[in-house]
Amino acid sequence: MMYKEFKYLYPPRPQFKIPPDNLDQYEGEFVAQPKYNGTACIVFTDGEELQVFNRHKLPLKHSPFIQFRGLARDKQWVVYCGEYLNKGQKGEKGEVERDKFIIWDLLVYAGEYLIGKTIMERLKIVDHDFPCISKINDKGLEIYDHLCCTDLEGIYKAPLYGAGFDFLYEDLVKTPLYEGIVLKKVNAKLTYGFNEKNNSEWQLKCRKSNALYNF
């Protein structure tokens, strides 16, 4: 299906939650990504027009310095889903992280709505265009363990993990920037995102406890 003009699409988002003790049961059938403590963000651009929304279909105020338009390909529309860091949470090195867009899915690429493509097929496209770049700080240490840099200013990628979900979870939740992990079914195919609950059935979330929920 072709995507030739702006139309809002709801991002794939997990509705179901699981406790940390159950994580190892899902290895093999699912892959995992970090769950970031920010705001779900959907970016629509053809390189010229740019629309940035949250998951509630409302425009999202964002930094003008993030190179969102650089996500477009051949002046055709792309739609990326990710996390906009706007809550001032501390990252892996103890520094406050904000005004970053972290890609965790791709819905439209070069004007094609990727209906029927699996998460692995969609992220393969992202990896081809934006391979991970390691960035080193002034002490010679890599800046991030669970966040991939790209060559676009302000644009990052969520890494993908295929095993060790329980150890991954325990490592992530030590840092305020991470809420936990999201599991995505390897062979599930993208369906139309015309309402908020579309594409929720092939995802699971595992979050650290706080005053509002236990996991």
C-alpha atoms as a PDB file:
ATOM      1  CA  MET A   1       0.000   0.000   0.000  1.00  0.00           C
ATOM      2  CA  MET A   2       1.369   3.404  -0.980  1.00  0.00           C
ATOM      3  CA  TYR A   3       1.514   6.333   1.418  1.00  0.00           C
ATOM      4  CA  LYS A   4       1.515   9.517  -0.663  1.00  0.00           C
ATOM      5  CA  GLU A   5       0.404  12.219   1.777  1.00  0.00           C
ATOM      6  CA  PHE A   6       0.287  12.796   5.497  1.00  0.00           C
ATOM      7  CA  LYS A   7      -2.197  10.637   7.365  1.00  0.00           C
ATOM      8  CA  TYR A   8      -1.839   9.903  11.065  1.00  0.00           C
ATOM      9  CA  LEU A   9      -0.937   6.307  11.944  1.00  0.00           C
ATOM     10  CA  TYR A  10      -1.029   4.969  15.484  1.00  0.00           C
ATOM     11  CA  PRO A  11       2.253   3.437  16.678  1.00  0.00           C
ATOM     12  CA  PRO A  12       2.474  -0.250  17.613  1.00  0.00           C
ATOM     13  CA  ARG A  13       2.333  -0.225  21.401  1.00  0.00           C
ATOM     14  CA  PRO A  14       2.166  -3.031  23.972  1.00  0.00           C
ATOM     15  CA  GLN A  15      -0.997  -3.282  26.082  1.00  0.00           C
ATOM     16  CA  PHE A  16      -0.143  -6.494  27.956  1.00  0.00           C
ATOM     17  CA  LYS A  17       2.381  -6.624  30.784  1.00  0.00           C
ATOM     18  CA  ILE A  18       4.358  -9.478  32.310  1.00  0.00           C
ATOM     19  CA  PRO A  19       6.416  -9.754  35.524  1.00  0.00           C
ATOM     20  CA  PRO A  20      10.227  -9.912  35.333  1.00  0.00           C
ATOM     21  CA  ASP A  21      10.257 -13.508  36.596  1.00  0.00           C
ATOM     22  CA  ASN A  22       8.565 -14.659  33.368  1.00  0.00           C
ATOM     23  CA  LEU A  23      10.936 -13.045  30.882  1.00  0.00           C
ATOM     24  CA  ASP A  24      13.022 -16.125  30.087  1.00  0.00           C
ATOM     25  CA  GLN A  25       9.890 -17.954  28.856  1.00  0.00           C
ATOM     26  CA  TYR A  26       9.691 -15.715  25.797  1.00  0.00           C
ATOM     27  CA  GLU A  27      13.188 -16.163  24.389  1.00  0.00           C
ATOM     28  CA  GLY A  28      13.221 -17.534  20.859  1.00  0.00           C
ATOM     29  CA  GLU A  29       9.731 -16.384  19.892  1.00  0.00           C
ATOM     30  CA  PHE A  30      10.329 -12.727  20.787  1.00  0.00           C
ATOM     31  CA  VAL A  31      13.051 -10.106  20.583  1.00  0.00           C
ATOM     32  CA  ALA A  32      13.534  -7.328  23.129  1.00  0.00           C
ATOM     33  CA  GLN A  33      14.157  -3.592  23.052  1.00  0.00           C
ATOM     34  CA  PRO A  34      14.724  -1.220  25.983  1.00  0.00           C
ATOM     35  CA  LYS A  35      11.643   0.648  27.168  1.00  0.00           C
ATOM     36  CA  TYR A  36      12.668   4.281  27.502  1.00  0.00           C
ATOM     37  CA  ASN A  37      11.295   6.804  29.971  1.00  0.00           C
ATOM     38  CA  GLY A  38      10.098   9.433  27.530  1.00  0.00           C
ATOM     39  CA  THR A  39       7.102  10.173  25.306  1.00  0.00           C
ATOM     40  CA  ALA A  40       5.989   7.914  22.441  1.00  0.00           C
ATOM     41  CA  CYS A  41       6.658   9.863  19.253  1.00  0.00           C
ATOM     42  CA  ILE A  42       5.616   9.322  15.606  1.00  0.00           C
ATOM     43  CA  VAL A  43       7.525  11.190  12.891  1.00  0.00           C
ATOM     44  CA  PHE A  44       6.012  11.751   9.435  1.00  0.00           C
ATOM     45  CA  THR A  45       8.235  13.380   6.811  1.00  0.00           C
ATOM     46  CA  ASP A  46       8.981  13.431   3.096  1.00  0.00           C
ATOM     47  CA  GLY A  47      12.079  15.543   3.614  1.00  0.00           C
ATOM     48  CA  GLU A  48      10.173  18.801   3.251  1.00  0.00           C
ATOM     49  CA  GLU A  49       6.902  18.481   5.149  1.00  0.00           C
ATOM     50  CA  LEU A  50       7.318  17.347   8.747  1.00  0.00           C
ATOM     51  CA  GLN A  51       4.685  16.248  11.262  1.00  0.00           C
ATOM     52  CA  VAL A  52       5.586  15.057  14.770  1.00  0.00           C
ATOM     53  CA  PHE A  53       2.869  13.608  17.012  1.00  0.00           C
ATOM     54  CA  ASN A  54       2.453  11.709  20.249  1.00  0.00           C
ATOM     55  CA  ARG A  55       0.521   8.447  20.539  1.00  0.00           C
ATOM     56  CA  HIS A  56      -2.688  10.322  21.372  1.00  0.00           C
ATOM     57  CA  LYS A  57      -2.754  11.959  17.922  1.00  0.00           C
ATOM     58  CA  LEU A  58      -1.632  15.319  19.294  1.00  0.00           C
ATOM     59  CA  PRO A  59       1.223  17.442  17.893  1.00  0.00           C
ATOM     60  CA  LEU A  60       4.388  16.995  19.937  1.00  0.00           C
ATOM     61  CA  LYS A  61       6.603  19.961  20.718  1.00  0.00           C
ATOM     62  CA  HIS A  62      10.197  19.041  19.929  1.00  0.00           C
ATOM     63  CA  SER A  63      13.658  20.463  19.485  1.00  0.00           C
ATOM     64  CA  PRO A  64      14.188  22.188  16.104  1.00  0.00           C
ATOM     65  CA  PHE A  65      17.749  20.867  16.044  1.00  0.00           C
ATOM     66  CA  ILE A  66      16.803  17.190  15.648  1.00  0.00           C
ATOM     67  CA  GLN A  67      17.316  16.180  11.993  1.00  0.00           C
ATOM     68  CA  PHE A  68      13.915  14.564  11.477  1.00  0.00           C
ATOM     69  CA  ARG A  69      13.782  15.493   7.784  1.00  0.00           C
ATOM     70  CA  GLY A  70      16.972  13.496   7.238  1.00  0.00           C
ATOM     71  CA  LEU A  71      14.960  10.325   7.842  1.00  0.00           C
ATOM     72  CA  ALA A  72      13.169  10.688   4.466  1.00  0.00           C
ATOM     73  CA  ARG A  73      14.275   8.701   1.424  1.00  0.00           C
ATOM     74  CA  ASP A  74      14.147   9.936  -2.195  1.00  0.00           C
ATOM     75  CA  LYS A  75      11.732  12.735  -1.218  1.00  0.00           C
ATOM     76  CA  GLN A  76       9.129  10.134  -0.372  1.00  0.00           C
ATOM     77  CA  TRP A  77       7.289   9.689   2.898  1.00  0.00           C
ATOM     78  CA  VAL A  78       8.633   7.774   5.860  1.00  0.00           C
ATOM     79  CA  VAL A  79       6.918   7.167   9.203  1.00  0.00           C
ATOM     80  CA  TYR A  80       9.132   6.312  12.158  1.00  0.00           C
ATOM     81  CA  CYS A  81       8.011   5.382  15.658  1.00  0.00           C
ATOM     82  CA  GLY A  82      10.195   6.011  18.645  1.00  0.00           C
ATOM     83  CA  GLU A  83      10.683   7.697  21.986  1.00  0.00           C
ATOM     84  CA  TYR A  84      11.195  11.417  22.437  1.00  0.00           C
ATOM     85  CA  LEU A  85      13.323  12.086  25.507  1.00  0.00           C
ATOM     86  CA  ASN A  86      11.677  15.056  27.189  1.00  0.00           C
ATOM     87  CA  LYS A  87      11.461  14.058  30.860  1.00  0.00           C
ATOM     88  CA  GLY A  88      14.998  14.907  31.940  1.00  0.00           C
ATOM     89  CA  GLN A  89      15.887  11.393  33.101  1.00  0.00           C
ATOM     90  CA  LYS A  90      19.484  10.463  33.868  1.00  0.00           C
ATOM     91  CA  GLY A  91      21.191   8.064  31.467  1.00  0.00           C
ATOM     92  CA  GLU A  92      23.871   5.426  31.777  1.00  0.00           C
ATOM     93  CA  LYS A  93      26.681   7.845  32.627  1.00  0.00           C
ATOM     94  CA  GLY A  94      24.604   9.849  35.126  1.00  0.00           C
ATOM     95  CA  GLU A  95      23.927  12.732  32.741  1.00  0.00           C
ATOM     96  CA  VAL A  96      20.430  14.087  32.020  1.00  0.00           C
ATOM     97  CA  GLU A  97      19.197  12.919  28.605  1.00  0.00           C
ATOM     98  CA  ARG A  98      16.732  15.083  26.662  1.00  0.00           C
ATOM     99  CA  ASP A  99      15.881  16.260  23.138  1.00  0.00           C
ATOM    100  CA  LYS A 100      16.727  12.941  21.514  1.00  0.00           C
ATOM    101  CA  PHE A 101      14.529  10.816  19.242  1.00  0.00           C
ATOM    102  CA  ILE A 102      15.111   7.066  19.619  1.00  0.00           C
ATOM    103  CA  ILE A 103      13.794   4.912  16.734  1.00  0.00           C
ATOM    104  CA  TRP A 104      12.147   1.646  17.731  1.00  0.00           C
ATOM    105  CA  ASP A 105       9.992   0.899  14.666  1.00  0.00           C
ATOM    106  CA  LEU A 106       9.349   1.839  11.047  1.00  0.00           C
ATOM    107  CA  LEU A 107       5.846   1.930   9.507  1.00  0.00           C
ATOM    108  CA  VAL A 108       6.339   3.634   6.137  1.00  0.00           C
ATOM    109  CA  TYR A 109       9.465   3.642   3.998  1.00  0.00           C
ATOM    110  CA  ALA A 110       9.994   5.498   0.695  1.00  0.00           C
ATOM    111  CA  GLY A 111       6.243   5.919   0.294  1.00  0.00           C
ATOM    112  CA  GLU A 112       5.319   2.290   1.047  1.00  0.00           C
ATOM    113  CA  TYR A 113       3.208   1.373   4.064  1.00  0.00           C
ATOM    114  CA  LEU A 114       4.980  -1.758   5.311  1.00  0.00           C
ATOM    115  CA  ILE A 115       1.855  -3.847   5.921  1.00  0.00           C
ATOM    116  CA  GLY A 116       2.697  -7.544   6.233  1.00  0.00           C
ATOM    117  CA  LYS A 117       6.357  -6.950   7.129  1.00  0.00           C
ATOM    118  CA  THR A 118       7.686  -8.386  10.393  1.00  0.00           C
ATOM    119  CA  ILE A 119       9.513  -6.339  13.011  1.00  0.00           C
ATOM    120  CA  MET A 120      12.764  -7.963  11.892  1.00  0.00           C
ATOM    121  CA  GLU A 121      12.166  -7.004   8.264  1.00  0.00           C
ATOM    122  CA  ARG A 122      11.315  -3.432   9.221  1.00  0.00           C
ATOM    123  CA  LEU A 123      14.289  -2.984  11.506  1.00  0.00           C
ATOM    124  CA  LYS A 124      16.593  -4.449   8.863  1.00  0.00           C
ATOM    125  CA  ILE A 125      15.681  -1.439   6.703  1.00  0.00           C
ATOM    126  CA  VAL A 126      16.488   0.904   9.593  1.00  0.00           C
ATOM    127  CA  ASP A 127      19.836  -0.814  10.182  1.00  0.00           C
ATOM    128  CA  HIS A 128      20.720  -0.537   6.493  1.00  0.00           C
ATOM    129  CA  ASP A 129      20.127   3.210   6.394  1.00  0.00           C
ATOM    130  CA  PHE A 130      21.351   3.995   9.886  1.00  0.00           C
ATOM    131  CA  PRO A 131      23.976   1.523  11.111  1.00  0.00           C
ATOM    132  CA  CYS A 132      25.035   1.945  14.731  1.00  0.00           C
ATOM    133  CA  ILE A 133      27.852   4.403  15.337  1.00  0.00           C
ATOM    134  CA  SER A 134      29.841   4.244  18.554  1.00  0.00           C
ATOM    135  CA  LYS A 135      30.484   7.604  20.181  1.00  0.00           C
ATOM    136  CA  ILE A 136      33.336   8.045  22.647  1.00  0.00           C
ATOM    137  CA  ASN A 137      33.454  10.580  25.475  1.00  0.00           C
ATOM    138  CA  ASP A 138      36.484  12.606  26.575  1.00  0.00           C
ATOM    139  CA  LYS A 139      37.609   9.722  28.790  1.00  0.00           C
ATOM    140  CA  GLY A 140      37.729   7.275  25.886  1.00  0.00           C
ATOM    141  CA  LEU A 141      34.607   5.372  26.992  1.00  0.00           C
ATOM    142  CA  GLU A 142      31.607   4.561  24.846  1.00  0.00           C
ATOM    143  CA  ILE A 143      28.736   6.870  25.710  1.00  0.00           C
ATOM    144  CA  TYR A 144      25.940   4.287  25.639  1.00  0.00           C
ATOM    145  CA  ASP A 145      25.518   0.565  26.241  1.00  0.00           C
ATOM    146  CA  HIS A 146      21.801   0.337  25.367  1.00  0.00           C
ATOM    147  CA  LEU A 147      21.380   3.123  22.822  1.00  0.00           C
ATOM    148  CA  CYS A 148      22.722   3.263  19.254  1.00  0.00           C
ATOM    149  CA  CYS A 149      23.927   6.518  17.712  1.00  0.00           C
ATOM    150  CA  THR A 150      23.290   7.446  14.043  1.00  0.00           C
ATOM    151  CA  ASP A 151      24.831  10.014  11.702  1.00  0.00           C
ATOM    152  CA  LEU A 152      21.810  12.330  12.091  1.00  0.00           C
ATOM    153  CA  GLU A 153      21.848  14.969  14.810  1.00  0.00           C
ATOM    154  CA  GLY A 154      19.531  14.021  17.663  1.00  0.00           C
ATOM    155  CA  ILE A 155      18.494  10.689  16.082  1.00  0.00           C
ATOM    156  CA  TYR A 156      19.259   7.402  17.853  1.00  0.00           C
ATOM    157  CA  LYS A 157      18.125   3.761  17.617  1.00  0.00           C
ATOM    158  CA  ALA A 158      16.924   1.233  20.136  1.00  0.00           C
ATOM    159  CA  PRO A 159      19.162  -1.874  20.032  1.00  0.00           C
ATOM    160  CA  LEU A 160      17.617  -5.313  19.604  1.00  0.00           C
ATOM    161  CA  TYR A 161      18.259  -8.338  21.845  1.00  0.00           C
ATOM    162  CA  GLY A 162      17.422 -11.979  21.146  1.00  0.00           C
ATOM    163  CA  ALA A 163      18.345 -13.609  24.460  1.00  0.00           C
ATOM    164  CA  GLY A 164      19.213 -12.945  28.078  1.00  0.00           C
ATOM    165  CA  PHE A 165      16.019 -10.991  28.708  1.00  0.00           C
ATOM    166  CA  ASP A 166      16.127 -11.385  32.488  1.00  0.00           C
ATOM    167  CA  PHE A 167      19.728 -10.142  32.716  1.00  0.00           C
ATOM    168  CA  LEU A 168      18.938  -7.329  30.290  1.00  0.00           C
ATOM    169  CA  TYR A 169      16.008  -6.206  32.415  1.00  0.00           C
ATOM    170  CA  GLU A 170      18.070  -6.172  35.613  1.00  0.00           C
ATOM    171  CA  ASP A 171      20.767  -4.122  33.910  1.00  0.00           C
ATOM    172  CA  LEU A 172      18.361  -1.595  32.384  1.00  0.00           C
ATOM    173  CA  VAL A 173      16.269  -0.820  35.444  1.00  0.00           C
ATOM    174  CA  LYS A 174      19.320   0.442  37.339  1.00  0.00           C
ATOM    175  CA  THR A 175      19.162   3.574  35.166  1.00  0.00           C
ATOM    176  CA  PRO A 176      16.296   6.137  35.371  1.00  0.00           C
ATOM    177  CA  LEU A 177      16.272   6.538  31.577  1.00  0.00           C
ATOM    178  CA  TYR A 178      15.000   2.955  31.180  1.00  0.00           C
ATOM    179  CA  GLU A 179      11.601   1.753  32.424  1.00  0.00           C
ATOM    180  CA  GLY A 180      12.183  -1.889  31.511  1.00  0.00           C
ATOM    181  CA  ILE A 181      11.905  -3.816  28.245  1.00  0.00           C
ATOM    182  CA  VAL A 182       9.416  -4.399  25.440  1.00  0.00           C
ATOM    183  CA  LEU A 183       9.129  -7.834  23.817  1.00  0.00           C
ATOM    184  CA  LYS A 184       8.098  -8.080  20.167  1.00  0.00           C
ATOM    185  CA  LYS A 185       7.059 -11.296  18.441  1.00  0.00           C
ATOM    186  CA  VAL A 186       9.568 -12.138  15.740  1.00  0.00           C
ATOM    187  CA  ASN A 187       7.143 -13.453  13.101  1.00  0.00           C
ATOM    188  CA  ALA A 188       4.185 -11.111  13.739  1.00  0.00           C
ATOM    189  CA  LYS A 189       3.279  -8.937  10.761  1.00  0.00           C
ATOM    190  CA  LEU A 190       2.396  -5.270  10.767  1.00  0.00           C
ATOM    191  CA  THR A 191      -1.316  -4.479  10.351  1.00  0.00           C
ATOM    192  CA  TYR A 192      -3.032  -1.156   9.706  1.00  0.00           C
ATOM    193  CA  GLY A 193      -2.575   1.411  12.468  1.00  0.00           C
ATOM    194  CA  PHE A 194      -5.895   3.211  12.231  1.00  0.00           C
ATOM    195  CA  ASN A 195      -6.791   2.919  15.918  1.00  0.00           C
ATOM    196  CA  GLU A 196      -4.832   2.953  19.153  1.00  0.00           C
ATOM    197  CA  LYS A 197      -5.002  -0.782  19.845  1.00  0.00           C
ATOM    198  CA  ASN A 198      -3.892  -1.986  16.413  1.00  0.00           C
ATOM    199  CA  ASN A 199      -0.644  -4.033  16.559  1.00  0.00           C
ATOM    200  CA  SER A 200      -0.744  -4.374  20.345  1.00  0.00           C
ATOM    201  CA  GLU A 201      -1.316  -8.152  20.336  1.00  0.00           C
ATOM    202  CA  TRP A 202       2.253  -9.077  19.315  1.00  0.00           C
ATOM    203  CA  GLN A 203       3.995  -7.043  22.021  1.00  0.00           C
ATOM    204  CA  LEU A 204       4.539  -7.372  25.764  1.00  0.00           C
ATOM    205  CA  LYS A 205       5.985  -4.925  28.264  1.00  0.00           C
ATOM    206  CA  CYS A 206       7.896  -5.520  31.469  1.00  0.00           C
ATOM    207  CA  ARG A 207       8.369  -2.423  33.607  1.00  0.00           C
ATOM    208  CA  LYS A 208      10.025  -1.728  36.908  1.00  0.00           C
ATOM    209  CA  SER A 209       7.641  -1.060  39.769  1.00  0.00           C
ATOM    210  CA  ASN A 210       6.656   2.401  40.944  1.00  0.00           C
ATOM    211  CA  ALA A 211       3.819   3.973  42.935  1.00  0.00           C
ATOM    212  CA  LEU A 212       1.305   3.305  40.135  1.00  0.00           C
ATOM    213  CA  TYR A 213       2.040  -0.322  39.143  1.00  0.00           C
ATOM    214  CA  ASN A 214       3.866  -3.409  40.368  1.00  0.00           C
ATOM    215  CA  PHE A 215       5.515  -4.401  37.051  1.00  0.00           C
END
